[in-house]
Amino acid sequence: MTALALLLALIAFAAFGLSSHAHHRRWFNGRITSAGKGVLRGAAWLTLALSFVAAVAASGWIFGPVLWTGVIMLAAGVVFLFLNLAPARFERPKT
């Protein structure tokens, strides 16, 4: 269940990141619409809540929120590094 909490948190933060114009343009070569941004953010919040449920199921109500805090910090850092440092799919070559 801890791995599930981490996976859900990674998905949530990836959705949060891809809902921004800069990351969406960099990875999908297009501009995101307001409706698309809302869908991605809504899905991200839902997935983050499911990650909390998985963390509590893994460690109980005493240590579950502590586990979840660590999981979301790790996931946020990993997604931040990936979105900013990995070679983009449609990035223009630097001259």
N, C-alpha and C. Protein backbone atom coordinates (compact mmCIF):
# COMPACT_ATOMS: atom_id res chain seq x y z
N MET A 1 0.82 -1.20 0.00
CA MET A 1 0.00 0.00 0.00
C MET A 1 0.86 1.27 0.00
N THR A 2 2.06 1.17 0.57
CA THR A 2 2.94 2.33 0.55
C THR A 2 3.37 2.65 -0.88
N ALA A 3 3.65 1.62 -1.65
CA ALA A 3 4.02 1.83 -3.05
C ALA A 3 2.86 2.42 -3.83
N LEU A 4 1.64 2.00 -3.51
CA LEU A 4 0.46 2.57 -4.17
C LEU A 4 0.30 4.04 -3.81
N ALA A 5 0.54 4.38 -2.55
CA ALA A 5 0.46 5.79 -2.13
C ALA A 5 1.48 6.63 -2.89
N LEU A 6 2.69 6.09 -3.05
CA LEU A 6 3.72 6.81 -3.79
C LEU A 6 3.35 6.95 -5.26
N LEU A 7 2.88 5.89 -5.87
CA LEU A 7 2.49 5.93 -7.27
C LEU A 7 1.37 6.95 -7.51
N LEU A 8 0.37 6.95 -6.64
CA LEU A 8 -0.74 7.90 -6.79
C LEU A 8 -0.25 9.34 -6.60
N ALA A 9 0.67 9.55 -5.66
CA ALA A 9 1.21 10.89 -5.45
C ALA A 9 2.03 11.34 -6.67
N LEU A 10 2.79 10.43 -7.26
CA LEU A 10 3.53 10.78 -8.48
C LEU A 10 2.59 11.18 -9.61
N ILE A 11 1.52 10.43 -9.77
CA ILE A 11 0.53 10.76 -10.81
C ILE A 11 -0.11 12.11 -10.53
N ALA A 12 -0.43 12.36 -9.26
CA ALA A 12 -1.07 13.63 -8.89
C ALA A 12 -0.17 14.81 -9.20
N PHE A 13 1.09 14.74 -8.80
CA PHE A 13 1.98 15.88 -9.05
C PHE A 13 2.34 16.02 -10.53
N ALA A 14 2.36 14.92 -11.26
CA ALA A 14 2.55 15.03 -12.71
C ALA A 14 1.36 15.76 -13.34
N ALA A 15 0.16 15.45 -12.88
CA ALA A 15 -1.03 16.14 -13.40
C ALA A 15 -1.00 17.62 -13.03
N PHE A 16 -0.59 17.93 -11.78
CA PHE A 16 -0.47 19.34 -11.40
C PHE A 16 0.54 20.05 -12.28
N GLY A 17 1.68 19.43 -12.52
CA GLY A 17 2.72 20.06 -13.35
C GLY A 17 2.28 20.24 -14.79
N LEU A 18 1.64 19.23 -15.35
CA LEU A 18 1.22 19.32 -16.75
C LEU A 18 0.02 20.23 -16.95
N SER A 19 -0.61 20.68 -15.86
CA SER A 19 -1.71 21.63 -16.01
C SER A 19 -1.21 23.06 -16.19
N SER A 20 0.11 23.26 -16.07
CA SER A 20 0.65 24.60 -16.31
C SER A 20 0.93 24.77 -17.81
N HIS A 21 0.85 25.99 -18.27
CA HIS A 21 1.05 26.25 -19.70
C HIS A 21 2.47 25.88 -20.15
N ALA A 22 3.46 26.22 -19.34
CA ALA A 22 4.85 25.99 -19.76
C ALA A 22 5.15 24.50 -19.90
N HIS A 23 4.78 23.72 -18.92
CA HIS A 23 5.07 22.29 -19.00
C HIS A 23 4.23 21.60 -20.06
N HIS A 24 2.99 22.03 -20.19
CA HIS A 24 2.13 21.42 -21.21
C HIS A 24 2.67 21.69 -22.61
N ARG A 25 3.13 22.91 -22.84
CA ARG A 25 3.70 23.26 -24.14
C ARG A 25 4.98 22.49 -24.37
N ARG A 26 5.80 22.34 -23.33
CA ARG A 26 7.08 21.66 -23.47
C ARG A 26 6.91 20.18 -23.77
N TRP A 27 5.93 19.53 -23.16
CA TRP A 27 5.77 18.09 -23.31
C TRP A 27 4.80 17.68 -24.40
N PHE A 28 3.81 18.53 -24.72
CA PHE A 28 2.80 18.15 -25.71
C PHE A 28 2.72 19.09 -26.90
N ASN A 29 3.57 20.11 -26.94
CA ASN A 29 3.66 21.04 -28.04
C ASN A 29 2.32 21.71 -28.35
N GLY A 30 1.63 22.11 -27.34
CA GLY A 30 0.36 22.80 -27.53
C GLY A 30 -0.03 23.55 -26.28
N ARG A 31 -1.01 24.39 -26.42
CA ARG A 31 -1.49 25.18 -25.29
C ARG A 31 -2.67 24.46 -24.67
N ILE A 32 -2.70 24.42 -23.36
CA ILE A 32 -3.78 23.75 -22.66
C ILE A 32 -4.96 24.71 -22.51
N THR A 33 -6.15 24.19 -22.67
CA THR A 33 -7.35 25.01 -22.52
C THR A 33 -7.70 25.15 -21.04
N SER A 34 -8.58 26.07 -20.75
CA SER A 34 -9.02 26.25 -19.36
C SER A 34 -9.75 25.01 -18.86
N ALA A 35 -10.54 24.40 -19.73
CA ALA A 35 -11.26 23.18 -19.34
C ALA A 35 -10.27 22.04 -19.09
N GLY A 36 -9.28 21.91 -19.93
CA GLY A 36 -8.26 20.87 -19.75
C GLY A 36 -7.47 21.07 -18.48
N LYS A 37 -7.18 22.34 -18.18
CA LYS A 37 -6.46 22.66 -16.95
C LYS A 37 -7.29 22.27 -15.73
N GLY A 38 -8.59 22.56 -15.79
CA GLY A 38 -9.48 22.20 -14.69
C GLY A 38 -9.60 20.70 -14.49
N VAL A 39 -9.68 19.97 -15.60
CA VAL A 39 -9.77 18.51 -15.52
C VAL A 39 -8.49 17.94 -14.91
N LEU A 40 -7.33 18.41 -15.36
CA LEU A 40 -6.08 17.90 -14.82
C LEU A 40 -5.93 18.21 -13.34
N ARG A 41 -6.29 19.42 -12.95
CA ARG A 41 -6.17 19.78 -11.53
C ARG A 41 -7.17 19.02 -10.67
N GLY A 42 -8.38 18.83 -11.17
CA GLY A 42 -9.36 18.04 -10.43
C GLY A 42 -8.92 16.60 -10.27
N ALA A 43 -8.38 16.02 -11.34
CA ALA A 43 -7.88 14.65 -11.27
C ALA A 43 -6.69 14.57 -10.32
N ALA A 44 -5.85 15.59 -10.31
CA ALA A 44 -4.69 15.61 -9.41
C ALA A 44 -5.13 15.64 -7.95
N TRP A 45 -6.10 16.49 -7.62
CA TRP A 45 -6.59 16.54 -6.24
C TRP A 45 -7.23 15.22 -5.83
N LEU A 46 -7.99 14.62 -6.72
CA LEU A 46 -8.62 13.34 -6.42
C LEU A 46 -7.57 12.25 -6.19
N THR A 47 -6.55 12.22 -7.04
CA THR A 47 -5.49 11.22 -6.91
C THR A 47 -4.68 11.45 -5.65
N LEU A 48 -4.48 12.71 -5.27
CA LEU A 48 -3.77 13.01 -4.04
C LEU A 48 -4.58 12.55 -2.82
N ALA A 49 -5.88 12.71 -2.86
CA ALA A 49 -6.74 12.22 -1.78
C ALA A 49 -6.71 10.70 -1.71
N LEU A 50 -6.71 10.04 -2.84
CA LEU A 50 -6.60 8.57 -2.86
C LEU A 50 -5.24 8.12 -2.33
N SER A 51 -4.21 8.90 -2.56
CA SER A 51 -2.90 8.60 -2.02
C SER A 51 -2.93 8.67 -0.49
N PHE A 52 -3.66 9.63 0.06
CA PHE A 52 -3.81 9.72 1.51
C PHE A 52 -4.51 8.49 2.06
N VAL A 53 -5.56 8.06 1.38
CA VAL A 53 -6.29 6.87 1.82
C VAL A 53 -5.37 5.65 1.80
N ALA A 54 -4.56 5.51 0.76
CA ALA A 54 -3.64 4.38 0.68
C ALA A 54 -2.59 4.43 1.78
N ALA A 55 -2.10 5.62 2.11
CA ALA A 55 -1.10 5.75 3.17
C ALA A 55 -1.70 5.41 4.53
N VAL A 56 -2.93 5.83 4.78
CA VAL A 56 -3.59 5.50 6.04
C VAL A 56 -3.89 4.01 6.11
N ALA A 57 -4.26 3.42 4.98
CA ALA A 57 -4.50 1.97 4.95
C ALA A 57 -3.21 1.20 5.20
N ALA A 58 -2.08 1.75 4.78
CA ALA A 58 -0.80 1.07 4.96
C ALA A 58 -0.29 1.17 6.39
N SER A 59 -0.49 2.31 7.04
CA SER A 59 0.15 2.53 8.35
C SER A 59 -0.81 2.92 9.46
N GLY A 60 -2.08 2.98 9.20
CA GLY A 60 -3.03 3.34 10.24
C GLY A 60 -3.17 4.85 10.41
N TRP A 61 -4.07 5.25 11.31
CA TRP A 61 -4.35 6.67 11.50
C TRP A 61 -3.26 7.41 12.26
N ILE A 62 -2.40 6.68 12.96
CA ILE A 62 -1.33 7.34 13.70
C ILE A 62 -0.17 7.71 12.78
N PHE A 63 0.33 6.74 12.04
CA PHE A 63 1.51 6.98 11.19
C PHE A 63 1.16 7.18 9.71
N GLY A 64 -0.07 6.96 9.32
CA GLY A 64 -0.47 7.14 7.93
C GLY A 64 -0.28 8.55 7.41
N PRO A 65 -0.75 9.57 8.16
CA PRO A 65 -0.52 10.94 7.70
C PRO A 65 0.96 11.32 7.64
N VAL A 66 1.76 10.76 8.55
CA VAL A 66 3.21 11.01 8.51
C VAL A 66 3.81 10.37 7.26
N LEU A 67 3.42 9.13 6.99
CA LEU A 67 3.87 8.46 5.77
C LEU A 67 3.44 9.24 4.54
N TRP A 68 2.21 9.71 4.53
CA TRP A 68 1.69 10.44 3.38
C TRP A 68 2.47 11.74 3.15
N THR A 69 2.83 12.42 4.24
CA THR A 69 3.62 13.64 4.11
C THR A 69 4.97 13.35 3.45
N GLY A 70 5.61 12.28 3.88
CA GLY A 70 6.88 11.91 3.25
C GLY A 70 6.71 11.50 1.81
N VAL A 71 5.65 10.77 1.53
CA VAL A 71 5.39 10.31 0.16
C VAL A 71 5.14 11.49 -0.77
N ILE A 72 4.35 12.47 -0.32
CA ILE A 72 4.07 13.59 -1.23
C ILE A 72 5.29 14.49 -1.41
N MET A 73 6.14 14.58 -0.38
CA MET A 73 7.37 15.35 -0.56
C MET A 73 8.30 14.67 -1.57
N LEU A 74 8.43 13.36 -1.45
CA LEU A 74 9.26 12.61 -2.40
C LEU A 74 8.70 12.71 -3.82
N ALA A 75 7.40 12.53 -3.95
CA ALA A 75 6.77 12.58 -5.27
C ALA A 75 6.90 13.97 -5.90
N ALA A 76 6.70 15.01 -5.11
CA ALA A 76 6.82 16.37 -5.63
C ALA A 76 8.24 16.64 -6.12
N GLY A 77 9.22 16.19 -5.37
CA GLY A 77 10.61 16.39 -5.79
C GLY A 77 10.96 15.62 -7.05
N VAL A 78 10.52 14.38 -7.14
CA VAL A 78 10.81 13.56 -8.32
C VAL A 78 10.15 14.15 -9.56
N VAL A 79 8.88 14.53 -9.45
CA VAL A 79 8.17 15.09 -10.60
C VAL A 79 8.76 16.44 -11.00
N PHE A 80 9.13 17.26 -10.02
CA PHE A 80 9.76 18.54 -10.32
C PHE A 80 11.04 18.34 -11.12
N LEU A 81 11.89 17.43 -10.65
CA LEU A 81 13.14 17.18 -11.36
C LEU A 81 12.90 16.61 -12.75
N PHE A 82 11.94 15.69 -12.86
CA PHE A 82 11.66 15.10 -14.17
C PHE A 82 11.12 16.14 -15.15
N LEU A 83 10.14 16.92 -14.73
CA LEU A 83 9.53 17.89 -15.65
C LEU A 83 10.51 18.97 -16.08
N ASN A 84 11.46 19.31 -15.22
CA ASN A 84 12.37 20.40 -15.54
C ASN A 84 13.71 19.97 -16.12
N LEU A 85 14.14 18.75 -15.83
CA LEU A 85 15.48 18.35 -16.28
C LEU A 85 15.49 17.29 -17.37
N ALA A 86 14.43 16.52 -17.50
CA ALA A 86 14.40 15.50 -18.55
C ALA A 86 14.25 16.16 -19.91
N PRO A 87 14.86 15.58 -20.94
CA PRO A 87 14.69 16.15 -22.27
C PRO A 87 13.22 16.10 -22.68
N ALA A 88 12.73 17.24 -23.12
CA ALA A 88 11.32 17.34 -23.49
C ALA A 88 11.08 16.69 -24.83
N ARG A 89 9.86 16.33 -25.04
CA ARG A 89 9.47 15.67 -26.29
C ARG A 89 9.53 16.61 -27.47
N PHE A 90 9.10 17.86 -27.27
CA PHE A 90 9.01 18.82 -28.38
C PHE A 90 9.82 20.08 -28.13
N GLU A 91 10.85 19.99 -27.33
CA GLU A 91 11.62 21.18 -27.05
C GLU A 91 12.47 21.57 -28.25
N ARG A 92 12.57 22.86 -28.48
CA ARG A 92 13.39 23.35 -29.59
C ARG A 92 14.87 23.16 -29.26
N PRO A 93 15.67 22.77 -30.23
CA PRO A 93 17.10 22.65 -29.96
C PRO A 93 17.71 24.02 -29.69
N LYS A 94 18.64 24.05 -28.73
CA LYS A 94 19.28 25.32 -28.39
C LYS A 94 20.41 25.58 -29.36
N THR A 95 20.51 26.84 -29.79
CA THR A 95 21.55 27.19 -30.76
C THR A 95 22.61 28.04 -30.12
